[in-house]
Amino acid sequence: MRRHGGAGRRENQLRVESSRALRLAIVDADRRAAGHDALHTAFAEALAFELGRRCQEPVPVKPQAPDADRAAWGLANGSFDVGLVVGSGLPRAMINSDFEVLKATQTAGKGRFALYFIIRKEDAGLAAMLTAAFPEALKGQFFLRAVAKANGQELPEEWQVAVAAK
């Protein structure tokens, strides 16, 4: 921030903005594939619904789609609160001892990808809430339909969630 001195000059002012929105980084190598934008939106909405139910007030979720390196950097420095990786594997940049990783796979095994939910461990309360909310968010009907459409399936399938091996 620069300050200007002298008469007739105006000082620059620092403006701080904050938001209650949960910042979600979505990393998807196939994001341009048919149905993946809808899948991202449906997941953000399902997570917002589940968190709102738990908090008993609306919790907006603001999804963004950075690459894996930017998402990892943002998670490490707090620019993102949580991450979601859509794909067949967890990018190396997203493996960090400061993150808890939950892996979700479809129970019938027909899906072409897995979901990796990356949670910052820094805030234990938020981490616990996100860990509990993730499996429930995956049960949302709009999300299940978006996954089925992205996979070319007719019926939505359920997910099995486990702590991912690092």
N, C-alpha and C. Protein backbone atom coordinates (compact mmCIF):
# COMPACT_ATOMS: atom_id res chain seq x y z
N MET A 1 0.85 -1.17 0.00
CA MET A 1 0.00 0.00 0.00
C MET A 1 0.89 1.23 0.00
N ARG A 2 0.63 2.13 -0.90
CA ARG A 2 1.39 3.38 -0.94
C ARG A 2 0.57 4.47 -0.29
N ARG A 3 1.27 5.31 0.38
CA ARG A 3 0.61 6.48 0.97
C ARG A 3 1.12 7.71 0.24
N HIS A 4 0.21 8.58 -0.05
CA HIS A 4 0.57 9.82 -0.72
C HIS A 4 0.54 10.95 0.30
N GLY A 5 1.52 11.79 0.25
CA GLY A 5 1.55 12.92 1.17
C GLY A 5 1.24 14.21 0.44
N GLY A 6 1.14 15.25 1.17
CA GLY A 6 0.96 16.57 0.57
C GLY A 6 -0.51 16.90 0.38
N ALA A 7 -0.72 18.18 0.16
CA ALA A 7 -2.08 18.69 -0.01
C ALA A 7 -2.62 18.24 -1.36
N GLY A 8 -3.88 18.00 -1.42
CA GLY A 8 -4.53 17.65 -2.66
C GLY A 8 -4.38 16.18 -3.06
N ARG A 9 -3.57 15.43 -2.37
CA ARG A 9 -3.43 14.00 -2.67
C ARG A 9 -4.27 13.18 -1.71
N ARG A 10 -4.84 12.14 -2.22
CA ARG A 10 -5.68 11.27 -1.41
C ARG A 10 -4.90 10.04 -1.00
N GLU A 11 -5.06 9.60 0.22
CA GLU A 11 -4.39 8.37 0.66
C GLU A 11 -5.12 7.16 0.12
N ASN A 12 -4.34 6.17 -0.27
CA ASN A 12 -4.95 4.89 -0.63
C ASN A 12 -5.48 4.27 0.64
N GLN A 13 -6.60 3.62 0.52
CA GLN A 13 -7.20 2.98 1.68
C GLN A 13 -7.17 1.48 1.48
N LEU A 14 -6.91 0.78 2.56
CA LEU A 14 -6.94 -0.67 2.53
C LEU A 14 -8.37 -1.11 2.77
N ARG A 15 -8.87 -1.96 1.90
CA ARG A 15 -10.22 -2.45 2.03
C ARG A 15 -10.16 -3.95 2.24
N VAL A 16 -10.79 -4.43 3.29
CA VAL A 16 -10.80 -5.86 3.60
C VAL A 16 -12.19 -6.40 3.33
N GLU A 17 -12.22 -7.49 2.57
CA GLU A 17 -13.48 -8.15 2.29
C GLU A 17 -13.44 -9.54 2.89
N SER A 18 -14.56 -9.95 3.45
CA SER A 18 -14.63 -11.31 3.97
C SER A 18 -15.94 -11.94 3.50
N SER A 19 -15.99 -13.23 3.62
CA SER A 19 -17.17 -13.95 3.18
C SER A 19 -17.37 -15.17 4.07
N ARG A 20 -18.61 -15.53 4.26
CA ARG A 20 -18.92 -16.74 5.01
C ARG A 20 -18.86 -17.96 4.11
N ALA A 21 -18.68 -17.74 2.83
CA ALA A 21 -18.70 -18.85 1.87
C ALA A 21 -17.49 -19.77 2.07
N LEU A 22 -17.74 -21.05 1.97
CA LEU A 22 -16.69 -22.06 2.00
C LEU A 22 -16.05 -22.06 0.61
N ARG A 23 -14.75 -21.92 0.56
CA ARG A 23 -14.03 -21.85 -0.72
C ARG A 23 -13.58 -23.25 -1.12
N LEU A 24 -14.13 -23.74 -2.22
CA LEU A 24 -13.92 -25.11 -2.69
C LEU A 24 -13.12 -25.09 -3.99
N ALA A 25 -11.97 -25.75 -3.98
CA ALA A 25 -11.16 -25.91 -5.19
C ALA A 25 -11.52 -27.25 -5.82
N ILE A 26 -11.94 -27.23 -7.08
CA ILE A 26 -12.28 -28.46 -7.78
C ILE A 26 -11.25 -28.68 -8.89
N VAL A 27 -10.51 -29.78 -8.76
CA VAL A 27 -9.50 -30.15 -9.74
C VAL A 27 -10.05 -31.33 -10.53
N ASP A 28 -10.19 -31.14 -11.83
CA ASP A 28 -10.77 -32.19 -12.67
C ASP A 28 -10.05 -32.20 -14.01
N ALA A 29 -9.28 -33.24 -14.26
CA ALA A 29 -8.54 -33.35 -15.52
C ALA A 29 -9.49 -33.44 -16.71
N ASP A 30 -10.68 -33.96 -16.50
CA ASP A 30 -11.67 -34.10 -17.57
C ASP A 30 -12.77 -33.05 -17.48
N ARG A 31 -12.45 -31.88 -16.94
CA ARG A 31 -13.50 -30.88 -16.70
C ARG A 31 -14.21 -30.46 -17.98
N ARG A 32 -13.58 -30.64 -19.10
CA ARG A 32 -14.23 -30.28 -20.37
C ARG A 32 -15.11 -31.42 -20.89
N ALA A 33 -15.08 -32.57 -20.24
CA ALA A 33 -15.93 -33.69 -20.67
C ALA A 33 -17.39 -33.35 -20.40
N ALA A 34 -18.24 -33.91 -21.22
CA ALA A 34 -19.68 -33.66 -21.10
C ALA A 34 -20.17 -33.99 -19.69
N GLY A 35 -20.90 -33.09 -19.12
CA GLY A 35 -21.51 -33.32 -17.81
C GLY A 35 -20.66 -32.97 -16.61
N HIS A 36 -19.37 -32.67 -16.79
CA HIS A 36 -18.53 -32.41 -15.63
C HIS A 36 -18.79 -31.06 -14.98
N ASP A 37 -19.14 -30.04 -15.74
CA ASP A 37 -19.50 -28.76 -15.13
C ASP A 37 -20.73 -28.93 -14.24
N ALA A 38 -21.71 -29.68 -14.73
CA ALA A 38 -22.91 -29.95 -13.95
C ALA A 38 -22.58 -30.76 -12.70
N LEU A 39 -21.64 -31.69 -12.83
CA LEU A 39 -21.21 -32.49 -11.69
C LEU A 39 -20.59 -31.59 -10.62
N HIS A 40 -19.74 -30.65 -11.02
CA HIS A 40 -19.09 -29.73 -10.07
C HIS A 40 -20.13 -28.88 -9.36
N THR A 41 -21.06 -28.33 -10.12
CA THR A 41 -22.12 -27.49 -9.54
C THR A 41 -22.98 -28.30 -8.59
N ALA A 42 -23.35 -29.50 -9.00
CA ALA A 42 -24.21 -30.35 -8.16
C ALA A 42 -23.49 -30.71 -6.86
N PHE A 43 -22.18 -30.99 -6.92
CA PHE A 43 -21.45 -31.30 -5.70
C PHE A 43 -21.42 -30.09 -4.77
N ALA A 44 -21.11 -28.92 -5.30
CA ALA A 44 -21.06 -27.71 -4.47
C ALA A 44 -22.41 -27.45 -3.80
N GLU A 45 -23.49 -27.63 -4.55
CA GLU A 45 -24.83 -27.43 -3.99
C GLU A 45 -25.16 -28.49 -2.93
N ALA A 46 -24.78 -29.75 -3.19
CA ALA A 46 -25.04 -30.82 -2.22
C ALA A 46 -24.25 -30.59 -0.94
N LEU A 47 -23.00 -30.15 -1.07
CA LEU A 47 -22.18 -29.86 0.10
C LEU A 47 -22.75 -28.67 0.87
N ALA A 48 -23.17 -27.63 0.16
CA ALA A 48 -23.77 -26.46 0.81
C ALA A 48 -25.03 -26.86 1.57
N PHE A 49 -25.86 -27.71 0.96
CA PHE A 49 -27.07 -28.17 1.61
C PHE A 49 -26.75 -28.93 2.89
N GLU A 50 -25.81 -29.87 2.79
CA GLU A 50 -25.46 -30.69 3.95
C GLU A 50 -24.84 -29.86 5.07
N LEU A 51 -23.95 -28.94 4.73
CA LEU A 51 -23.35 -28.07 5.76
C LEU A 51 -24.40 -27.16 6.37
N GLY A 52 -25.30 -26.64 5.55
CA GLY A 52 -26.38 -25.80 6.07
C GLY A 52 -27.29 -26.56 7.02
N ARG A 53 -27.55 -27.81 6.71
CA ARG A 53 -28.37 -28.65 7.59
C ARG A 53 -27.68 -28.84 8.94
N ARG A 54 -26.38 -29.05 8.91
CA ARG A 54 -25.62 -29.27 10.14
C ARG A 54 -25.47 -28.00 10.96
N CYS A 55 -25.31 -26.87 10.29
CA CYS A 55 -25.12 -25.59 10.99
C CYS A 55 -26.44 -24.90 11.30
N GLN A 56 -27.52 -25.39 10.75
CA GLN A 56 -28.85 -24.82 10.91
C GLN A 56 -28.93 -23.38 10.41
N GLU A 57 -28.13 -23.10 9.40
CA GLU A 57 -28.20 -21.83 8.68
C GLU A 57 -27.47 -22.02 7.36
N PRO A 58 -27.79 -21.18 6.38
CA PRO A 58 -27.16 -21.37 5.06
C PRO A 58 -25.64 -21.26 5.11
N VAL A 59 -24.98 -22.17 4.40
CA VAL A 59 -23.52 -22.14 4.26
C VAL A 59 -23.24 -22.16 2.76
N PRO A 60 -22.98 -21.00 2.19
CA PRO A 60 -22.69 -20.98 0.75
C PRO A 60 -21.35 -21.64 0.45
N VAL A 61 -21.28 -22.34 -0.66
CA VAL A 61 -20.04 -22.97 -1.11
C VAL A 61 -19.67 -22.32 -2.44
N LYS A 62 -18.48 -21.77 -2.49
CA LYS A 62 -18.01 -21.06 -3.69
C LYS A 62 -16.97 -21.94 -4.40
N PRO A 63 -17.38 -22.65 -5.47
CA PRO A 63 -16.43 -23.51 -6.19
C PRO A 63 -15.58 -22.71 -7.17
N GLN A 64 -14.35 -23.12 -7.31
CA GLN A 64 -13.43 -22.59 -8.31
C GLN A 64 -12.70 -23.78 -8.92
N ALA A 65 -12.16 -23.61 -10.12
CA ALA A 65 -11.52 -24.72 -10.82
C ALA A 65 -10.06 -24.40 -11.17
N PRO A 66 -9.19 -24.36 -10.16
CA PRO A 66 -7.76 -24.15 -10.46
C PRO A 66 -7.11 -25.46 -10.89
N ASP A 67 -5.86 -25.37 -11.38
CA ASP A 67 -5.12 -26.60 -11.65
C ASP A 67 -4.64 -27.18 -10.31
N ALA A 68 -4.07 -28.36 -10.33
CA ALA A 68 -3.69 -29.06 -9.10
C ALA A 68 -2.66 -28.28 -8.28
N ASP A 69 -1.68 -27.68 -8.94
CA ASP A 69 -0.65 -26.93 -8.21
C ASP A 69 -1.23 -25.73 -7.50
N ARG A 70 -2.09 -24.98 -8.19
CA ARG A 70 -2.71 -23.80 -7.56
C ARG A 70 -3.67 -24.20 -6.45
N ALA A 71 -4.38 -25.30 -6.65
CA ALA A 71 -5.30 -25.77 -5.61
C ALA A 71 -4.51 -26.18 -4.36
N ALA A 72 -3.41 -26.90 -4.53
CA ALA A 72 -2.59 -27.32 -3.39
C ALA A 72 -2.01 -26.11 -2.67
N TRP A 73 -1.53 -25.15 -3.45
CA TRP A 73 -0.97 -23.94 -2.85
C TRP A 73 -2.06 -23.19 -2.08
N GLY A 74 -3.25 -23.08 -2.67
CA GLY A 74 -4.36 -22.39 -2.02
C GLY A 74 -4.84 -23.09 -0.76
N LEU A 75 -4.84 -24.42 -0.77
CA LEU A 75 -5.21 -25.17 0.43
C LEU A 75 -4.16 -24.98 1.52
N ALA A 76 -2.90 -24.99 1.13
CA ALA A 76 -1.82 -24.84 2.11
C ALA A 76 -1.83 -23.46 2.77
N ASN A 77 -2.15 -22.41 2.01
CA ASN A 77 -2.09 -21.06 2.59
C ASN A 77 -3.45 -20.55 3.06
N GLY A 78 -4.50 -21.34 2.90
CA GLY A 78 -5.82 -20.94 3.39
C GLY A 78 -6.68 -20.20 2.39
N SER A 79 -6.22 -20.06 1.15
CA SER A 79 -7.04 -19.42 0.11
C SER A 79 -8.25 -20.28 -0.23
N PHE A 80 -8.10 -21.59 -0.06
CA PHE A 80 -9.22 -22.53 -0.21
C PHE A 80 -9.40 -23.24 1.12
N ASP A 81 -10.66 -23.56 1.44
CA ASP A 81 -10.97 -24.27 2.68
C ASP A 81 -10.95 -25.78 2.49
N VAL A 82 -11.30 -26.21 1.29
CA VAL A 82 -11.44 -27.63 1.00
C VAL A 82 -11.25 -27.84 -0.50
N GLY A 83 -10.88 -29.06 -0.87
CA GLY A 83 -10.69 -29.35 -2.29
C GLY A 83 -11.39 -30.63 -2.68
N LEU A 84 -11.71 -30.73 -3.95
CA LEU A 84 -12.29 -31.94 -4.52
C LEU A 84 -11.51 -32.25 -5.79
N VAL A 85 -10.99 -33.47 -5.87
CA VAL A 85 -10.30 -33.92 -7.07
C VAL A 85 -11.18 -34.98 -7.71
N VAL A 86 -11.49 -34.77 -8.99
CA VAL A 86 -12.27 -35.72 -9.77
C VAL A 86 -11.30 -36.38 -10.73
N GLY A 87 -11.12 -37.68 -10.61
CA GLY A 87 -10.19 -38.35 -11.50
C GLY A 87 -9.84 -39.73 -11.02
N SER A 88 -8.89 -40.31 -11.71
CA SER A 88 -8.49 -41.68 -11.37
C SER A 88 -7.39 -41.73 -10.31
N GLY A 89 -6.81 -40.59 -9.98
CA GLY A 89 -5.76 -40.56 -8.97
C GLY A 89 -5.61 -39.18 -8.36
N LEU A 90 -4.97 -39.13 -7.23
CA LEU A 90 -4.73 -37.88 -6.53
C LEU A 90 -3.43 -37.27 -7.05
N PRO A 91 -3.47 -36.04 -7.59
CA PRO A 91 -2.24 -35.41 -8.07
C PRO A 91 -1.21 -35.28 -6.96
N ARG A 92 0.05 -35.46 -7.30
CA ARG A 92 1.15 -35.40 -6.33
C ARG A 92 1.14 -34.09 -5.53
N ALA A 93 0.79 -33.00 -6.19
CA ALA A 93 0.77 -31.70 -5.53
C ALA A 93 -0.24 -31.65 -4.38
N MET A 94 -1.25 -32.50 -4.43
CA MET A 94 -2.31 -32.48 -3.42
C MET A 94 -2.01 -33.38 -2.22
N ILE A 95 -0.87 -34.05 -2.23
CA ILE A 95 -0.49 -34.92 -1.11
C ILE A 95 0.35 -34.08 -0.15
N ASN A 96 -0.19 -33.90 1.05
CA ASN A 96 0.45 -33.03 2.04
C ASN A 96 0.01 -33.52 3.42
N SER A 97 0.92 -33.54 4.36
CA SER A 97 0.58 -34.00 5.71
C SER A 97 -0.38 -33.06 6.43
N ASP A 98 -0.56 -31.85 5.90
CA ASP A 98 -1.50 -30.90 6.50
C ASP A 98 -2.94 -31.13 6.03
N PHE A 99 -3.13 -32.09 5.12
CA PHE A 99 -4.45 -32.37 4.57
C PHE A 99 -4.90 -33.78 4.95
N GLU A 100 -6.18 -33.91 5.19
CA GLU A 100 -6.82 -35.23 5.32
C GLU A 100 -7.47 -35.49 3.97
N VAL A 101 -7.34 -36.70 3.45
CA VAL A 101 -7.90 -37.02 2.14
C VAL A 101 -8.90 -38.17 2.30
N LEU A 102 -10.13 -37.92 1.86
CA LEU A 102 -11.15 -38.97 1.82
C LEU A 102 -11.34 -39.36 0.36
N LYS A 103 -11.42 -40.64 0.10
CA LYS A 103 -11.62 -41.13 -1.27
C LYS A 103 -12.99 -41.78 -1.37
N ALA A 104 -13.73 -41.39 -2.40
CA ALA A 104 -15.04 -41.99 -2.64
C ALA A 104 -15.01 -42.71 -3.98
N THR A 105 -15.48 -43.95 -3.98
CA THR A 105 -15.59 -44.74 -5.21
C THR A 105 -17.01 -45.25 -5.30
N GLN A 106 -17.46 -45.47 -6.52
CA GLN A 106 -18.82 -45.98 -6.69
C GLN A 106 -18.86 -47.44 -6.27
N THR A 107 -19.93 -47.82 -5.59
CA THR A 107 -20.02 -49.17 -5.03
C THR A 107 -20.07 -50.23 -6.12
N ALA A 108 -20.66 -49.95 -7.25
CA ALA A 108 -20.76 -50.96 -8.31
C ALA A 108 -19.52 -50.97 -9.20
N GLY A 109 -18.65 -50.01 -9.04
CA GLY A 109 -17.41 -50.00 -9.80
C GLY A 109 -17.54 -49.62 -11.26
N LYS A 110 -18.69 -49.10 -11.68
CA LYS A 110 -18.88 -48.72 -13.08
C LYS A 110 -18.37 -47.32 -13.38
N GLY A 111 -18.11 -46.55 -12.36
CA GLY A 111 -17.68 -45.17 -12.57
C GLY A 111 -16.30 -45.10 -13.19
N ARG A 112 -16.08 -44.05 -13.96
CA ARG A 112 -14.79 -43.89 -14.62
C ARG A 112 -13.83 -43.05 -13.80
N PHE A 113 -14.24 -42.64 -12.62
CA PHE A 113 -13.38 -41.80 -11.80
C PHE A 113 -13.72 -41.99 -10.32
N ALA A 114 -12.85 -41.49 -9.49
CA ALA A 114 -13.08 -41.46 -8.05
C ALA A 114 -13.13 -39.99 -7.64
N LEU A 115 -13.57 -39.74 -6.45
CA LEU A 115 -13.58 -38.40 -5.88
C LEU A 115 -12.65 -38.39 -4.68
N TYR A 116 -11.78 -37.40 -4.61
CA TYR A 116 -10.88 -37.22 -3.48
C TYR A 116 -11.24 -35.90 -2.83
N PHE A 117 -11.63 -35.95 -1.57
CA PHE A 117 -12.03 -34.77 -0.82
C PHE A 117 -10.88 -34.40 0.08
N ILE A 118 -10.27 -33.24 -0.14
CA ILE A 118 -9.09 -32.81 0.59
C ILE A 118 -9.49 -31.76 1.60
N ILE A 119 -9.23 -32.06 2.87
CA ILE A 119 -9.65 -31.20 3.97
C ILE A 119 -8.42 -30.69 4.70
N ARG A 120 -8.37 -29.40 4.92
CA ARG A 120 -7.29 -28.80 5.70
C ARG A 120 -7.47 -29.21 7.17
N LYS A 121 -6.41 -29.67 7.80
CA LYS A 121 -6.47 -30.11 9.20
C LYS A 121 -6.37 -28.95 10.19
N GLU A 122 -6.01 -27.76 9.71
CA GLU A 122 -5.72 -26.63 10.58
C GLU A 122 -6.86 -26.29 11.56
N ASP A 123 -8.09 -26.32 11.10
CA ASP A 123 -9.24 -26.03 11.95
C ASP A 123 -9.94 -27.36 12.23
N ALA A 124 -9.69 -27.92 13.40
CA ALA A 124 -10.20 -29.26 13.73
C ALA A 124 -11.72 -29.33 13.68
N GLY A 125 -12.40 -28.30 14.12
CA GLY A 125 -13.87 -28.29 14.11
C GLY A 125 -14.43 -28.32 12.70
N LEU A 126 -13.87 -27.48 11.83
CA LEU A 126 -14.31 -27.45 10.44
C LEU A 126 -13.96 -28.77 9.75
N ALA A 127 -12.78 -29.30 10.04
CA ALA A 127 -12.35 -30.57 9.45
C ALA A 127 -13.31 -31.69 9.83
N ALA A 128 -13.71 -31.74 11.09
CA ALA A 128 -14.64 -32.78 11.55
C ALA A 128 -16.00 -32.63 10.86
N MET A 129 -16.47 -31.39 10.73
CA MET A 129 -17.77 -31.16 10.08
C MET A 129 -17.70 -31.56 8.60
N LEU A 130 -16.62 -31.20 7.91
CA LEU A 130 -16.48 -31.55 6.50
C LEU A 130 -16.35 -33.06 6.31
N THR A 131 -15.61 -33.72 7.20
CA THR A 131 -15.45 -35.17 7.13
C THR A 131 -16.80 -35.87 7.26
N ALA A 132 -17.65 -35.37 8.13
CA ALA A 132 -18.97 -35.96 8.32
C ALA A 132 -19.92 -35.59 7.18
N ALA A 133 -19.77 -34.40 6.62
CA ALA A 133 -20.69 -33.93 5.58
C ALA A 133 -20.43 -34.56 4.22
N PHE A 134 -19.19 -34.89 3.92
CA PHE A 134 -18.83 -35.39 2.59
C PHE A 134 -19.64 -36.62 2.18
N PRO A 135 -19.68 -37.70 2.98
CA PRO A 135 -20.45 -38.87 2.53
C PRO A 135 -21.94 -38.56 2.35
N GLU A 136 -22.46 -37.67 3.17
CA GLU A 136 -23.88 -37.32 3.06
C GLU A 136 -24.14 -36.49 1.81
N ALA A 137 -23.21 -35.60 1.46
CA ALA A 137 -23.36 -34.79 0.25
C ALA A 137 -23.40 -35.67 -0.99
N LEU A 138 -22.67 -36.79 -0.95
CA LEU A 138 -22.63 -37.69 -2.10
C LEU A 138 -23.94 -38.44 -2.32
N LYS A 139 -24.83 -38.39 -1.34
CA LYS A 139 -26.12 -39.07 -1.45
C LYS A 139 -27.20 -38.20 -2.08
N GLY A 140 -26.91 -36.92 -2.28
CA GLY A 140 -27.89 -36.00 -2.86
C GLY A 140 -28.33 -36.45 -4.25
N GLN A 141 -29.63 -36.43 -4.49
CA GLN A 141 -30.17 -36.94 -5.76
C GLN A 141 -29.68 -36.15 -6.97
N PHE A 142 -29.56 -34.83 -6.86
CA PHE A 142 -29.07 -34.04 -8.00
C PHE A 142 -27.62 -34.40 -8.30
N PHE A 143 -26.84 -34.62 -7.24
CA PHE A 143 -25.45 -35.00 -7.44
C PHE A 143 -25.35 -36.38 -8.07
N LEU A 144 -26.11 -37.35 -7.57
CA LEU A 144 -26.09 -38.69 -8.12
C LEU A 144 -26.50 -38.71 -9.59
N ARG A 145 -27.49 -37.90 -9.93
CA ARG A 145 -27.91 -37.82 -11.34
C ARG A 145 -26.82 -37.19 -12.20
N ALA A 146 -26.13 -36.18 -11.68
CA ALA A 146 -25.05 -35.54 -12.43
C ALA A 146 -23.91 -36.52 -12.67
N VAL A 147 -23.59 -37.34 -11.68
CA VAL A 147 -22.55 -38.36 -11.84
C VAL A 147 -22.98 -39.40 -12.88
N ALA A 148 -24.22 -39.85 -12.79
CA ALA A 148 -24.73 -40.84 -13.74
C ALA A 148 -24.66 -40.28 -15.17
N LYS A 149 -25.03 -39.04 -15.34
CA LYS A 149 -24.99 -38.42 -16.67
C LYS A 149 -23.55 -38.30 -17.17
N ALA A 150 -22.63 -37.89 -16.28
CA ALA A 150 -21.22 -37.76 -16.67
C ALA A 150 -20.62 -39.11 -17.05
N ASN A 151 -21.12 -40.19 -16.44
CA ASN A 151 -20.61 -41.54 -16.72
C ASN A 151 -21.41 -42.28 -17.78
N GLY A 152 -22.45 -41.65 -18.31
CA GLY A 152 -23.27 -42.32 -19.31
C GLY A 152 -24.11 -43.44 -18.73
N GLN A 153 -24.47 -43.32 -17.47
CA GLN A 153 -25.28 -44.33 -16.80
C GLN A 153 -26.72 -43.85 -16.73
N GLU A 154 -27.64 -44.80 -16.60
CA GLU A 154 -29.04 -44.42 -16.48
C GLU A 154 -29.44 -44.20 -15.03
N LEU A 155 -28.95 -45.04 -14.14
CA LEU A 155 -29.34 -44.94 -12.74
C LEU A 155 -28.17 -44.45 -11.90
N PRO A 156 -28.44 -43.54 -10.98
CA PRO A 156 -27.36 -43.10 -10.11
C PRO A 156 -26.91 -44.21 -9.18
N GLU A 157 -25.64 -44.18 -8.84
CA GLU A 157 -25.08 -45.19 -7.95
C GLU A 157 -24.63 -44.53 -6.65
N GLU A 158 -24.49 -45.34 -5.60
CA GLU A 158 -24.02 -44.83 -4.33
C GLU A 158 -22.50 -44.89 -4.28
N TRP A 159 -21.94 -44.24 -3.28
CA TRP A 159 -20.49 -44.14 -3.13
C TRP A 159 -20.03 -44.81 -1.85
N GLN A 160 -18.84 -45.35 -1.89
CA GLN A 160 -18.18 -45.89 -0.71
C GLN A 160 -17.07 -44.90 -0.38
N VAL A 161 -17.02 -44.44 0.87
CA VAL A 161 -16.04 -43.43 1.27
C VAL A 161 -15.08 -44.03 2.29
N ALA A 162 -13.78 -43.76 2.10
CA ALA A 162 -12.75 -44.23 3.03
C ALA A 162 -11.63 -43.19 3.07
N VAL A 163 -10.87 -43.23 4.13
CA VAL A 163 -9.69 -42.38 4.21
C VAL A 163 -8.71 -42.90 3.18
N ALA A 164 -8.22 -42.02 2.32
CA ALA A 164 -7.34 -42.44 1.24
C ALA A 164 -5.94 -42.73 1.77
N ALA A 165 -5.32 -43.75 1.21
CA ALA A 165 -3.93 -44.04 1.54
C ALA A 165 -3.06 -43.01 0.83
N LYS A 166 -2.08 -42.50 1.53
CA LYS A 166 -1.26 -41.45 0.94
C LYS A 166 0.04 -42.01 0.41
